[in-house]
C-alpha cells in the first residue's frame, strides 16, 4: 500500500468519525489552522529531508513535492488540524456536562436536624 492510499483512508475515517462535531464548527479557523500547519510542514519537512534526517522509499510515494516535502506528508498536518479541534470540543462538552450534571448532594443545603 502506498502512503497516499493510507493517508486517504485515514483522512476519510477521521472525517466520518468527526463529521457531527465538524458541522457545528466555523470553517474559517479550521481552514486557517490547516494552512498554517501545511506551511510549517512544508518548511520543516524540507529542512529535515535536506539534513538527511529521513528519506522516503520511492516506490511508496507519488513523487510530487511541494518545496521539497512529499505530498503525502501534508496528510498528517491536515489530520492534526481537524482532529485536535474536534477532540478539544468533545472533551470540553463532556467537562461541561459533568460540571452541570447531578453531582451535588440532594440533602445539601437542607436543614434536616
PDB file of N, CA and C in Angstrom:
ATOM      1  N   UNK A   1       0.853  -1.168   0.000  1.00  0.00           N
ATOM      2  CA  UNK A   1       0.000   0.000   0.000  1.00  0.00           C
ATOM      3  C   UNK A   1       0.899   1.231   0.000  1.00  0.00           C
ATOM      4  N   UNK A   2       0.592   2.166  -0.865  1.00  0.00           N
ATOM      5  CA  UNK A   2       1.372   3.396  -0.918  1.00  0.00           C
ATOM      6  C   UNK A   2       0.915   4.353   0.184  1.00  0.00           C
ATOM      7  N   UNK A   3       1.749   5.321   0.480  1.00  0.00           N
ATOM      8  CA  UNK A   3       1.432   6.276   1.541  1.00  0.00           C
ATOM      9  C   UNK A   3       0.184   7.082   1.243  1.00  0.00           C
ATOM     10  N   UNK A   4      -0.018   7.449  -0.014  1.00  0.00           N
ATOM     11  CA  UNK A   4      -1.176   8.280  -0.351  1.00  0.00           C
ATOM     12  C   UNK A   4      -2.482   7.515  -0.131  1.00  0.00           C
ATOM     13  N   UNK A   5      -2.491   6.223  -0.429  1.00  0.00           N
ATOM     14  CA  UNK A   5      -3.701   5.416  -0.199  1.00  0.00           C
ATOM     15  C   UNK A   5      -3.984   5.341   1.298  1.00  0.00           C
ATOM     16  N   UNK A   6      -2.970   5.091   2.077  1.00  0.00           N
ATOM     17  CA  UNK A   6      -3.137   5.026   3.520  1.00  0.00           C
ATOM     18  C   UNK A   6      -3.611   6.375   4.070  1.00  0.00           C
ATOM     19  N   UNK A   7      -3.046   7.463   3.566  1.00  0.00           N
ATOM     20  CA  UNK A   7      -3.450   8.792   4.015  1.00  0.00           C
ATOM     21  C   UNK A   7      -4.908   9.087   3.688  1.00  0.00           C
ATOM     22  N   UNK A   8      -5.342   8.727   2.501  1.00  0.00           N
ATOM     23  CA  UNK A   8      -6.733   8.962   2.112  1.00  0.00           C
ATOM     24  C   UNK A   8      -7.673   8.158   2.991  1.00  0.00           C
ATOM     25  N   UNK A   9      -7.321   6.926   3.298  1.00  0.00           N
ATOM     26  CA  UNK A   9      -8.158   6.089   4.158  1.00  0.00           C
ATOM     27  C   UNK A   9      -8.259   6.693   5.557  1.00  0.00           C
ATOM     28  N   UNK A  10      -7.121   7.085   6.116  1.00  0.00           N
ATOM     29  CA  UNK A  10      -7.112   7.660   7.466  1.00  0.00           C
ATOM     30  C   UNK A  10      -7.902   8.963   7.510  1.00  0.00           C
ATOM     31  N   UNK A  11      -7.719   9.827   6.521  1.00  0.00           N
ATOM     32  CA  UNK A  11      -8.460  11.087   6.491  1.00  0.00           C
ATOM     33  C   UNK A  11      -9.958  10.861   6.298  1.00  0.00           C
ATOM     34  N   UNK A  12     -10.333   9.877   5.492  1.00  0.00           N
ATOM     35  CA  UNK A  12     -11.751   9.571   5.297  1.00  0.00           C
ATOM     36  C   UNK A  12     -12.380   9.057   6.591  1.00  0.00           C
ATOM     37  N   UNK A  13     -11.686   8.190   7.291  1.00  0.00           N
ATOM     38  CA  UNK A  13     -12.203   7.679   8.571  1.00  0.00           C
ATOM     39  C   UNK A  13     -12.299   8.819   9.579  1.00  0.00           C
ATOM     40  N   UNK A  14     -11.290   9.670   9.626  1.00  0.00           N
ATOM     41  CA  UNK A  14     -11.305  10.805  10.539  1.00  0.00           C
ATOM     42  C   UNK A  14     -12.485  11.726  10.254  1.00  0.00           C
ATOM     43  N   UNK A  15     -12.727  12.017   8.989  1.00  0.00           N
ATOM     44  CA  UNK A  15     -13.867  12.861   8.630  1.00  0.00           C
ATOM     45  C   UNK A  15     -15.192  12.193   8.976  1.00  0.00           C
ATOM     46  N   UNK A  16     -15.301  10.900   8.742  1.00  0.00           N
ATOM     47  CA  UNK A  16     -16.549  10.190   9.043  1.00  0.00           C
ATOM     48  C   UNK A  16     -16.832  10.188  10.543  1.00  0.00           C
ATOM     49  N   UNK A  17     -15.799   9.964  11.337  1.00  0.00           N
ATOM     50  CA  UNK A  17     -15.974   9.908  12.784  1.00  0.00           C
ATOM     51  C   UNK A  17     -16.240  11.304  13.354  1.00  0.00           C
ATOM     52  N   UNK A  18     -15.659  12.321  12.768  1.00  0.00           N
ATOM     53  CA  UNK A  18     -15.727  13.680  13.306  1.00  0.00           C
ATOM     54  C   UNK A  18     -16.825  14.537  12.686  1.00  0.00           C
ATOM     55  N   UNK A  19     -17.533  14.024  11.713  1.00  0.00           N
ATOM     56  CA  UNK A  19     -18.438  14.854  10.923  1.00  0.00           C
ATOM     57  C   UNK A  19     -19.468  15.599  11.763  1.00  0.00           C
ATOM     58  N   UNK A  20     -20.070  14.937  12.760  1.00  0.00           N
ATOM     59  CA  UNK A  20     -21.107  15.590  13.565  1.00  0.00           C
ATOM     60  C   UNK A  20     -20.555  16.802  14.305  1.00  0.00           C
ATOM     61  N   UNK A  21     -19.349  16.711  14.800  1.00  0.00           N
ATOM     62  CA  UNK A  21     -18.742  17.831  15.521  1.00  0.00           C
ATOM     63  C   UNK A  21     -18.267  18.895  14.535  1.00  0.00           C
ATOM     64  N   UNK A  22     -17.673  18.473  13.429  1.00  0.00           N
ATOM     65  CA  UNK A  22     -17.158  19.426  12.439  1.00  0.00           C
ATOM     66  C   UNK A  22     -18.260  20.297  11.844  1.00  0.00           C
ATOM     67  N   UNK A  23     -19.461  19.735  11.682  1.00  0.00           N
ATOM     68  CA  UNK A  23     -20.565  20.516  11.113  1.00  0.00           C
ATOM     69  C   UNK A  23     -20.892  21.739  11.945  1.00  0.00           C
ATOM     70  N   UNK A  24     -20.719  21.646  13.260  1.00  0.00           N
ATOM     71  CA  UNK A  24     -21.049  22.756  14.138  1.00  0.00           C
ATOM     72  C   UNK A  24     -19.925  23.753  14.331  1.00  0.00           C
ATOM     73  N   UNK A  25     -18.794  23.522  13.719  1.00  0.00           N
ATOM     74  CA  UNK A  25     -17.648  24.419  13.884  1.00  0.00           C
ATOM     75  C   UNK A  25     -17.574  25.413  12.735  1.00  0.00           C
ATOM     76  N   UNK A  26     -16.993  26.576  13.034  1.00  0.00           N
ATOM     77  CA  UNK A  26     -16.808  27.579  11.983  1.00  0.00           C
ATOM     78  C   UNK A  26     -15.664  27.135  11.069  1.00  0.00           C
ATOM     79  N   UNK A  27     -15.843  27.210   9.753  1.00  0.00           N
ATOM     80  CA  UNK A  27     -14.803  26.723   8.834  1.00  0.00           C
ATOM     81  C   UNK A  27     -13.569  27.611   8.774  1.00  0.00           C
ATOM     82  N   UNK A  28     -13.699  28.904   9.028  1.00  0.00           N
ATOM     83  CA  UNK A  28     -12.567  29.818   8.918  1.00  0.00           C
ATOM     84  C   UNK A  28     -11.368  29.420   9.777  1.00  0.00           C
ATOM     85  N   UNK A  29     -11.570  29.234  11.084  1.00  0.00           N
ATOM     86  CA  UNK A  29     -10.436  28.830  11.918  1.00  0.00           C
ATOM     87  C   UNK A  29      -9.873  27.452  11.547  1.00  0.00           C
ATOM     88  N   UNK A  30     -10.726  26.541  11.114  1.00  0.00           N
ATOM     89  CA  UNK A  30     -10.241  25.220  10.709  1.00  0.00           C
ATOM     90  C   UNK A  30      -9.353  25.317   9.471  1.00  0.00           C
ATOM     91  N   UNK A  31      -9.798  26.074   8.495  1.00  0.00           N
ATOM     92  CA  UNK A  31      -9.015  26.237   7.267  1.00  0.00           C
ATOM     93  C   UNK A  31      -7.731  27.007   7.553  1.00  0.00           C
ATOM     94  N   UNK A  32      -7.835  28.052   8.370  1.00  0.00           N
ATOM     95  CA  UNK A  32      -6.644  28.821   8.730  1.00  0.00           C
ATOM     96  C   UNK A  32      -5.619  27.968   9.460  1.00  0.00           C
ATOM     97  N   UNK A  33      -6.098  27.169  10.404  1.00  0.00           N
ATOM     98  CA  UNK A  33      -5.194  26.272  11.117  1.00  0.00           C
ATOM     99  C   UNK A  33      -4.560  25.252  10.197  1.00  0.00           C
ATOM    100  N   UNK A  34      -5.347  24.712   9.274  1.00  0.00           N
ATOM    101  CA  UNK A  34      -4.818  23.732   8.318  1.00  0.00           C
ATOM    102  C   UNK A  34      -3.757  24.367   7.417  1.00  0.00           C
ATOM    103  N   UNK A  35      -3.986  25.597   6.980  1.00  0.00           N
ATOM    104  CA  UNK A  35      -2.993  26.284   6.136  1.00  0.00           C
ATOM    105  C   UNK A  35      -1.694  26.527   6.895  1.00  0.00           C
ATOM    106  N   UNK A  36      -1.801  26.963   8.146  1.00  0.00           N
ATOM    107  CA  UNK A  36      -0.604  27.193   8.951  1.00  0.00           C
ATOM    108  C   UNK A  36       0.161  25.884   9.141  1.00  0.00           C
ATOM    109  N   UNK A  37      -0.565  24.816   9.458  1.00  0.00           N
ATOM    110  CA  UNK A  37       0.080  23.517   9.657  1.00  0.00           C
ATOM    111  C   UNK A  37       0.757  23.033   8.369  1.00  0.00           C
ATOM    112  N   UNK A  38       0.121  23.255   7.235  1.00  0.00           N
ATOM    113  CA  UNK A  38       0.717  22.819   5.964  1.00  0.00           C
ATOM    114  C   UNK A  38       1.965  23.630   5.624  1.00  0.00           C
ATOM    115  N   UNK A  39       1.941  24.926   5.898  1.00  0.00           N
ATOM    116  CA  UNK A  39       3.135  25.745   5.650  1.00  0.00           C
ATOM    117  C   UNK A  39       4.271  25.291   6.561  1.00  0.00           C
ATOM    118  N   UNK A  40       3.970  25.051   7.837  1.00  0.00           N
ATOM    119  CA  UNK A  40       5.008  24.574   8.757  1.00  0.00           C
ATOM    120  C   UNK A  40       5.538  23.212   8.318  1.00  0.00           C
ATOM    121  N   UNK A  41       4.651  22.347   7.852  1.00  0.00           N
ATOM    122  CA  UNK A  41       5.076  21.037   7.359  1.00  0.00           C
ATOM    123  C   UNK A  41       5.987  21.202   6.153  1.00  0.00           C
ATOM    124  N   UNK A  42       5.612  22.088   5.247  1.00  0.00           N
ATOM    125  CA  UNK A  42       6.413  22.294   4.050  1.00  0.00           C
ATOM    126  C   UNK A  42       7.819  22.791   4.412  1.00  0.00           C
ATOM    127  N   UNK A  43       7.907  23.732   5.317  1.00  0.00           N
ATOM    128  CA  UNK A  43       9.205  24.292   5.684  1.00  0.00           C
ATOM    129  C   UNK A  43      10.047  23.270   6.438  1.00  0.00           C
ATOM    130  N   UNK A  44       9.498  22.698   7.505  1.00  0.00           N
ATOM    131  CA  UNK A  44      10.313  21.844   8.359  1.00  0.00           C
ATOM    132  C   UNK A  44      10.585  20.474   7.748  1.00  0.00           C
ATOM    133  N   UNK A  45       9.662  19.930   6.972  1.00  0.00           N
ATOM    134  CA  UNK A  45       9.952  18.674   6.276  1.00  0.00           C
ATOM    135  C   UNK A  45      11.066  18.864   5.252  1.00  0.00           C
ATOM    136  N   UNK A  46      11.013  19.979   4.554  1.00  0.00           N
ATOM    137  CA  UNK A  46      12.073  20.270   3.579  1.00  0.00           C
ATOM    138  C   UNK A  46      13.426  20.358   4.273  1.00  0.00           C
ATOM    139  N   UNK A  47      13.465  21.030   5.419  1.00  0.00           N
ATOM    140  CA  UNK A  47      14.727  21.144   6.158  1.00  0.00           C
ATOM    141  C   UNK A  47      15.201  19.785   6.678  1.00  0.00           C
ATOM    142  N   UNK A  48      14.284  18.978   7.199  1.00  0.00           N
ATOM    143  CA  UNK A  48      14.677  17.673   7.740  1.00  0.00           C
ATOM    144  C   UNK A  48      15.126  16.718   6.640  1.00  0.00           C
ATOM    145  N   UNK A  49      14.491  16.788   5.480  1.00  0.00           N
ATOM    146  CA  UNK A  49      14.903  15.950   4.354  1.00  0.00           C
ATOM    147  C   UNK A  49      16.266  16.409   3.838  1.00  0.00           C
ATOM    148  N   UNK A  50      16.465  17.725   3.778  1.00  0.00           N
ATOM    149  CA  UNK A  50      17.754  18.255   3.326  1.00  0.00           C
ATOM    150  C   UNK A  50      18.879  17.881   4.287  1.00  0.00           C
ATOM    151  N   UNK A  51      18.566  17.747   5.563  1.00  0.00           N
ATOM    152  CA  UNK A  51      19.569  17.367   6.560  1.00  0.00           C
ATOM    153  C   UNK A  51      19.731  15.854   6.652  1.00  0.00           C
ATOM    154  N   UNK A  52      19.075  15.113   5.776  1.00  0.00           N
ATOM    155  CA  UNK A  52      19.117  13.648   5.747  1.00  0.00           C
ATOM    156  C   UNK A  52      18.669  13.001   7.059  1.00  0.00           C
ATOM    157  N   UNK A  53      17.694  13.624   7.725  1.00  0.00           N
ATOM    158  CA  UNK A  53      17.148  13.011   8.936  1.00  0.00           C
ATOM    159  C   UNK A  53      16.246  11.828   8.591  1.00  0.00           C
ATOM    160  N   UNK A  54      15.616  11.891   7.441  1.00  0.00           N
ATOM    161  CA  UNK A  54      14.847  10.751   6.957  1.00  0.00           C
ATOM    162  C   UNK A  54      14.725  10.812   5.446  1.00  0.00           C
ATOM    163  N   UNK A  55      14.492   9.668   4.867  1.00  0.00           N
ATOM    164  CA  UNK A  55      14.301   9.536   3.426  1.00  0.00           C
ATOM    165  C   UNK A  55      13.042   8.712   3.184  1.00  0.00           C
ATOM    166  N   UNK A  56      12.516   8.805   1.999  1.00  0.00           N
ATOM    167  CA  UNK A  56      11.297   8.093   1.634  1.00  0.00           C
ATOM    168  C   UNK A  56      11.609   7.001   0.620  1.00  0.00           C
ATOM    169  N   UNK A  57      10.930   5.895   0.745  1.00  0.00           N
ATOM    170  CA  UNK A  57      11.032   4.837  -0.255  1.00  0.00           C
ATOM    171  C   UNK A  57      10.320   5.337  -1.513  1.00  0.00           C
ATOM    172  N   UNK A  58      11.032   5.411  -2.601  1.00  0.00           N
ATOM    173  CA  UNK A  58      10.482   5.974  -3.836  1.00  0.00           C
ATOM    174  C   UNK A  58       9.261   5.216  -4.349  1.00  0.00           C
ATOM    175  N   UNK A  59       9.152   3.921  -4.039  1.00  0.00           N
ATOM    176  CA  UNK A  59       8.006   3.151  -4.509  1.00  0.00           C
ATOM    177  C   UNK A  59       6.762   3.360  -3.646  1.00  0.00           C
ATOM    178  N   UNK A  60       6.894   4.061  -2.515  1.00  0.00           N
ATOM    179  CA  UNK A  60       5.761   4.289  -1.616  1.00  0.00           C
ATOM    180  C   UNK A  60       5.162   5.677  -1.738  1.00  0.00           C
ATOM    181  N   UNK A  61       5.836   6.574  -2.447  1.00  0.00           N
ATOM    182  CA  UNK A  61       5.329   7.942  -2.577  1.00  0.00           C
ATOM    183  C   UNK A  61       5.021   8.247  -4.036  1.00  0.00           C
ATOM    184  N   UNK A  62       4.206   9.293  -4.234  1.00  0.00           N
ATOM    185  CA  UNK A  62       3.832   9.685  -5.588  1.00  0.00           C
ATOM    186  C   UNK A  62       4.986  10.341  -6.338  1.00  0.00           C
ATOM    187  N   UNK A  63       5.859  10.985  -5.612  1.00  0.00           N
ATOM    188  CA  UNK A  63       6.943  11.717  -6.256  1.00  0.00           C
ATOM    189  C   UNK A  63       6.596  13.175  -6.501  1.00  0.00           C
ATOM    190  N   UNK A  64       5.468  13.630  -5.943  1.00  0.00           N
ATOM    191  CA  UNK A  64       5.070  15.030  -6.054  1.00  0.00           C
ATOM    192  C   UNK A  64       5.563  15.736  -4.797  1.00  0.00           C
ATOM    193  N   UNK A  65       6.349  16.788  -4.986  1.00  0.00           N
ATOM    194  CA  UNK A  65       6.936  17.507  -3.868  1.00  0.00           C
ATOM    195  C   UNK A  65       6.467  18.950  -3.872  1.00  0.00           C
ATOM    196  N   UNK A  66       6.222  19.487  -2.696  1.00  0.00           N
ATOM    197  CA  UNK A  66       5.948  20.907  -2.530  1.00  0.00           C
ATOM    198  C   UNK A  66       7.112  21.497  -1.756  1.00  0.00           C
ATOM    199  N   UNK A  67       7.994  22.168  -2.458  1.00  0.00           N
ATOM    200  CA  UNK A  67       9.176  22.811  -1.910  1.00  0.00           C
ATOM    201  C   UNK A  67      10.044  21.809  -1.142  1.00  0.00           C
ATOM    202  N   UNK A  68      10.132  20.610  -1.639  1.00  0.00           N
ATOM    203  CA  UNK A  68      10.980  19.587  -1.037  1.00  0.00           C
ATOM    204  C   UNK A  68      10.268  18.599  -0.140  1.00  0.00           C
ATOM    205  N   UNK A  69       9.035  18.862   0.221  1.00  0.00           N
ATOM    206  CA  UNK A  69       8.271  17.963   1.089  1.00  0.00           C
ATOM    207  C   UNK A  69       7.322  17.131   0.233  1.00  0.00           C
ATOM    208  N   UNK A  70       7.309  15.823   0.411  1.00  0.00           N
ATOM    209  CA  UNK A  70       6.407  14.994  -0.378  1.00  0.00           C
ATOM    210  C   UNK A  70       4.946  15.299  -0.060  1.00  0.00           C
ATOM    211  N   UNK A  71       4.120  15.194  -1.056  1.00  0.00           N
ATOM    212  CA  UNK A  71       2.696  15.492  -0.911  1.00  0.00           C
ATOM    213  C   UNK A  71       2.059  14.687   0.221  1.00  0.00           C
ATOM    214  N   UNK A  72       2.507  13.470   0.410  1.00  0.00           N
ATOM    215  CA  UNK A  72       1.916  12.594   1.419  1.00  0.00           C
ATOM    216  C   UNK A  72       2.094  13.124   2.846  1.00  0.00           C
ATOM    217  N   UNK A  73       3.136  13.884   3.089  1.00  0.00           N
ATOM    218  CA  UNK A  73       3.379  14.401   4.434  1.00  0.00           C
ATOM    219  C   UNK A  73       2.328  15.404   4.884  1.00  0.00           C
ATOM    220  N   UNK A  74       1.640  16.013   3.970  1.00  0.00           N
ATOM    221  CA  UNK A  74       0.653  17.024   4.335  1.00  0.00           C
ATOM    222  C   UNK A  74      -0.613  16.410   4.927  1.00  0.00           C
ATOM    223  N   UNK A  75      -0.801  15.121   4.758  1.00  0.00           N
ATOM    224  CA  UNK A  75      -1.968  14.457   5.356  1.00  0.00           C
ATOM    225  C   UNK A  75      -1.897  14.497   6.872  1.00  0.00           C
ATOM    226  N   UNK A  76      -0.692  14.410   7.425  1.00  0.00           N
ATOM    227  CA  UNK A  76      -0.538  14.466   8.880  1.00  0.00           C
ATOM    228  C   UNK A  76      -0.941  15.837   9.406  1.00  0.00           C
ATOM    229  N   UNK A  77      -0.558  16.873   8.702  1.00  0.00           N
ATOM    230  CA  UNK A  77      -0.933  18.232   9.106  1.00  0.00           C
ATOM    231  C   UNK A  77      -2.444  18.424   9.020  1.00  0.00           C
ATOM    232  N   UNK A  78      -3.056  17.909   7.958  1.00  0.00           N
ATOM    233  CA  UNK A  78      -4.500  18.015   7.821  1.00  0.00           C
ATOM    234  C   UNK A  78      -5.225  17.225   8.902  1.00  0.00           C
ATOM    235  N   UNK A  79      -4.737  16.031   9.184  1.00  0.00           N
ATOM    236  CA  UNK A  79      -5.374  15.206  10.224  1.00  0.00           C
ATOM    237  C   UNK A  79      -5.278  15.892  11.581  1.00  0.00           C
ATOM    238  N   UNK A  80      -4.127  16.446  11.899  1.00  0.00           N
ATOM    239  CA  UNK A  80      -3.961  17.127  13.186  1.00  0.00           C
ATOM    240  C   UNK A  80      -4.834  18.372  13.274  1.00  0.00           C
ATOM    241  N   UNK A  81      -4.920  19.118  12.181  1.00  0.00           N
ATOM    242  CA  UNK A  81      -5.701  20.358  12.213  1.00  0.00           C
ATOM    243  C   UNK A  81      -7.200  20.091  12.241  1.00  0.00           C
ATOM    244  N   UNK A  82      -7.627  18.887  11.905  1.00  0.00           N
ATOM    245  CA  UNK A  82      -9.030  18.512  12.062  1.00  0.00           C
ATOM    246  C   UNK A  82      -9.286  17.808  13.394  1.00  0.00           C
ATOM    247  N   UNK A  83      -8.412  16.893  13.753  1.00  0.00           N
ATOM    248  CA  UNK A  83      -8.644  16.061  14.932  1.00  0.00           C
ATOM    249  C   UNK A  83      -8.534  16.841  16.236  1.00  0.00           C
ATOM    250  N   UNK A  84      -7.582  17.745  16.335  1.00  0.00           N
ATOM    251  CA  UNK A  84      -7.380  18.446  17.603  1.00  0.00           C
ATOM    252  C   UNK A  84      -8.553  19.352  17.966  1.00  0.00           C
ATOM    253  N   UNK A  85      -9.086  20.172  17.057  1.00  0.00           N
ATOM    254  CA  UNK A  85     -10.258  20.975  17.432  1.00  0.00           C
ATOM    255  C   UNK A  85     -11.486  20.106  17.750  1.00  0.00           C
ATOM    256  N   UNK A  86     -11.637  19.000  17.038  1.00  0.00           N
ATOM    257  CA  UNK A  86     -12.767  18.102  17.319  1.00  0.00           C
ATOM    258  C   UNK A  86     -12.602  17.488  18.702  1.00  0.00           C
ATOM    259  N   UNK A  87     -11.413  16.997  19.002  1.00  0.00           N
ATOM    260  CA  UNK A  87     -11.159  16.407  20.308  1.00  0.00           C
ATOM    261  C   UNK A  87     -11.346  17.437  21.417  1.00  0.00           C
ATOM    262  N   UNK A  88     -10.847  18.625  21.205  1.00  0.00           N
ATOM    263  CA  UNK A  88     -10.992  19.698  22.185  1.00  0.00           C
ATOM    264  C   UNK A  88     -12.470  19.977  22.435  1.00  0.00           C
ATOM    265  N   UNK A  89     -13.268  20.072  21.381  1.00  0.00           N
ATOM    266  CA  UNK A  89     -14.694  20.356  21.505  1.00  0.00           C
ATOM    267  C   UNK A  89     -15.416  19.238  22.247  1.00  0.00           C
ATOM    268  N   UNK A  90     -15.133  18.003  21.904  1.00  0.00           N
ATOM    269  CA  UNK A  90     -15.789  16.871  22.556  1.00  0.00           C
ATOM    270  C   UNK A  90     -15.431  16.825  24.042  1.00  0.00           C
ATOM    271  N   UNK A  91     -14.163  16.980  24.355  1.00  0.00           N
ATOM    272  CA  UNK A  91     -13.748  16.945  25.761  1.00  0.00           C
ATOM    273  C   UNK A  91     -14.310  18.131  26.542  1.00  0.00           C
ATOM    274  N   UNK A  92     -14.401  19.283  25.909  1.00  0.00           N
ATOM    275  CA  UNK A  92     -14.979  20.454  26.568  1.00  0.00           C
ATOM    276  C   UNK A  92     -16.458  20.236  26.864  1.00  0.00           C
ATOM    277  N   UNK A  93     -17.170  19.628  25.916  1.00  0.00           N
ATOM    278  CA  UNK A  93     -18.598  19.336  26.131  1.00  0.00           C
ATOM    279  C   UNK A  93     -18.783  18.332  27.258  1.00  0.00           C
ATOM    280  N   UNK A  94     -17.945  17.325  27.319  1.00  0.00           N
ATOM    281  CA  UNK A  94     -18.041  16.339  28.403  1.00  0.00           C
ATOM    282  C   UNK A  94     -17.757  16.981  29.747  1.00  0.00           C
ATOM    283  N   UNK A  95     -16.761  17.841  29.784  1.00  0.00           N
ATOM    284  CA  UNK A  95     -16.420  18.518  31.022  1.00  0.00           C
ATOM    285  C   UNK A  95     -17.571  19.418  31.479  1.00  0.00           C
ATOM    286  N   UNK A  96     -18.186  20.125  30.548  1.00  0.00           N
ATOM    287  CA  UNK A  96     -19.313  20.992  30.884  1.00  0.00           C
ATOM    288  C   UNK A  96     -20.514  20.161  31.342  1.00  0.00           C
ATOM    289  N   UNK A  97     -20.721  19.013  30.714  1.00  0.00           N
ATOM    290  CA  UNK A  97     -21.842  18.157  31.115  1.00  0.00           C
ATOM    291  C   UNK A  97     -21.631  17.618  32.526  1.00  0.00           C
ATOM    292  N   UNK A  98     -20.391  17.273  32.856  1.00  0.00           N
ATOM    293  CA  UNK A  98     -20.094  16.794  34.209  1.00  0.00           C
ATOM    294  C   UNK A  98     -20.280  17.901  35.240  1.00  0.00           C
ATOM    295  N   UNK A  99     -19.894  19.113  34.872  1.00  0.00           N
ATOM    296  CA  UNK A  99     -19.976  20.230  35.812  1.00  0.00           C
ATOM    297  C   UNK A  99     -21.421  20.601  36.128  1.00  0.00           C
ATOM    298  N   UNK A 100     -22.307  20.430  35.175  1.00  0.00           N
ATOM    299  CA  UNK A 100     -23.704  20.799  35.392  1.00  0.00           C
ATOM    300  C   UNK A 100     -24.583  19.596  35.705  1.00  0.00           C
ATOM    301  N   UNK A 101     -23.990  18.425  35.727  1.00  0.00           N
ATOM    302  CA  UNK A 101     -24.752  17.201  35.982  1.00  0.00           C
ATOM    303  C   UNK A 101     -25.177  17.081  37.433  1.00  0.00           C
ATOM    304  N   UNK A 102     -25.962  16.065  37.744  1.00  0.00           N
ATOM    305  CA  UNK A 102     -26.497  15.874  39.099  1.00  0.00           C
ATOM    306  C   UNK A 102     -25.465  15.262  40.052  1.00  0.00           C
ATOM    307  N   UNK A 103     -24.394  16.010  40.311  1.00  0.00           N
ATOM    308  CA  UNK A 103     -23.354  15.508  41.194  1.00  0.00           C
ATOM    309  C   UNK A 103     -23.473  16.061  42.599  1.00  0.00           C
ATOM    310  N   UNK A 104     -24.312  17.062  42.774  1.00  0.00           N
ATOM    311  CA  UNK A 104     -24.461  17.670  44.098  1.00  0.00           C
ATOM    312  C   UNK A 104     -25.259  16.746  45.008  1.00  0.00           C
ATOM    313  N   UNK A 105     -24.969  16.820  46.282  1.00  0.00           N
ATOM    314  CA  UNK A 105     -25.682  16.039  47.290  1.00  0.00           C
ATOM    315  C   UNK A 105     -27.099  16.594  47.430  1.00  0.00           C
ATOM    316  N   UNK A 106     -28.148  15.772  47.265  1.00  0.00           N
ATOM    317  CA  UNK A 106     -29.517  16.292  47.322  1.00  0.00           C
ATOM    318  C   UNK A 106     -29.915  16.787  48.708  1.00  0.00           C
ATOM    319  N   UNK A 107     -29.226  16.342  49.734  1.00  0.00           N
ATOM    320  CA  UNK A 107     -29.567  16.794  51.091  1.00  0.00           C
ATOM    321  C   UNK A 107     -28.779  18.020  51.476  1.00  0.00           C
ATOM    322  N   UNK A 108     -27.818  18.438  50.646  1.00  0.00           N
ATOM    323  CA  UNK A 108     -27.018  19.595  50.971  1.00  0.00           C
ATOM    324  C   UNK A 108     -27.864  20.858  50.906  1.00  0.00           C
ATOM    325  N   UNK A 109     -27.717  21.681  51.892  1.00  0.00           N
ATOM    326  CA  UNK A 109     -28.446  22.940  51.903  1.00  0.00           C
ATOM    327  C   UNK A 109     -29.780  22.835  52.620  1.00  0.00           C
ATOM    328  N   UNK A 110     -30.203  21.657  53.037  1.00  0.00           N
ATOM    329  CA  UNK A 110     -31.462  21.493  53.776  1.00  0.00           C
ATOM    330  C   UNK A 110     -31.156  21.404  55.254  1.00  0.00           C
ATOM    331  N   UNK A 111     -32.077  21.788  56.016  1.00  0.00           N
ATOM    332  CA  UNK A 111     -31.904  21.752  57.464  1.00  0.00           C
ATOM    333  C   UNK A 111     -32.651  20.539  57.984  1.00  0.00           C
ATOM    334  N   UNK A 112     -31.998  19.386  57.974  1.00  0.00           N
ATOM    335  CA  UNK A 112     -32.646  18.141  58.327  1.00  0.00           C
ATOM    336  C   UNK A 112     -32.576  17.862  59.825  1.00  0.00           C
ATOM    337  N   UNK A 113     -31.986  18.728  60.628  1.00  0.00           N
ATOM    338  CA  UNK A 113     -31.834  18.449  62.061  1.00  0.00           C
ATOM    339  C   UNK A 113     -33.008  18.782  62.869  1.00  0.00           C
TER     340      UNK A 113
END
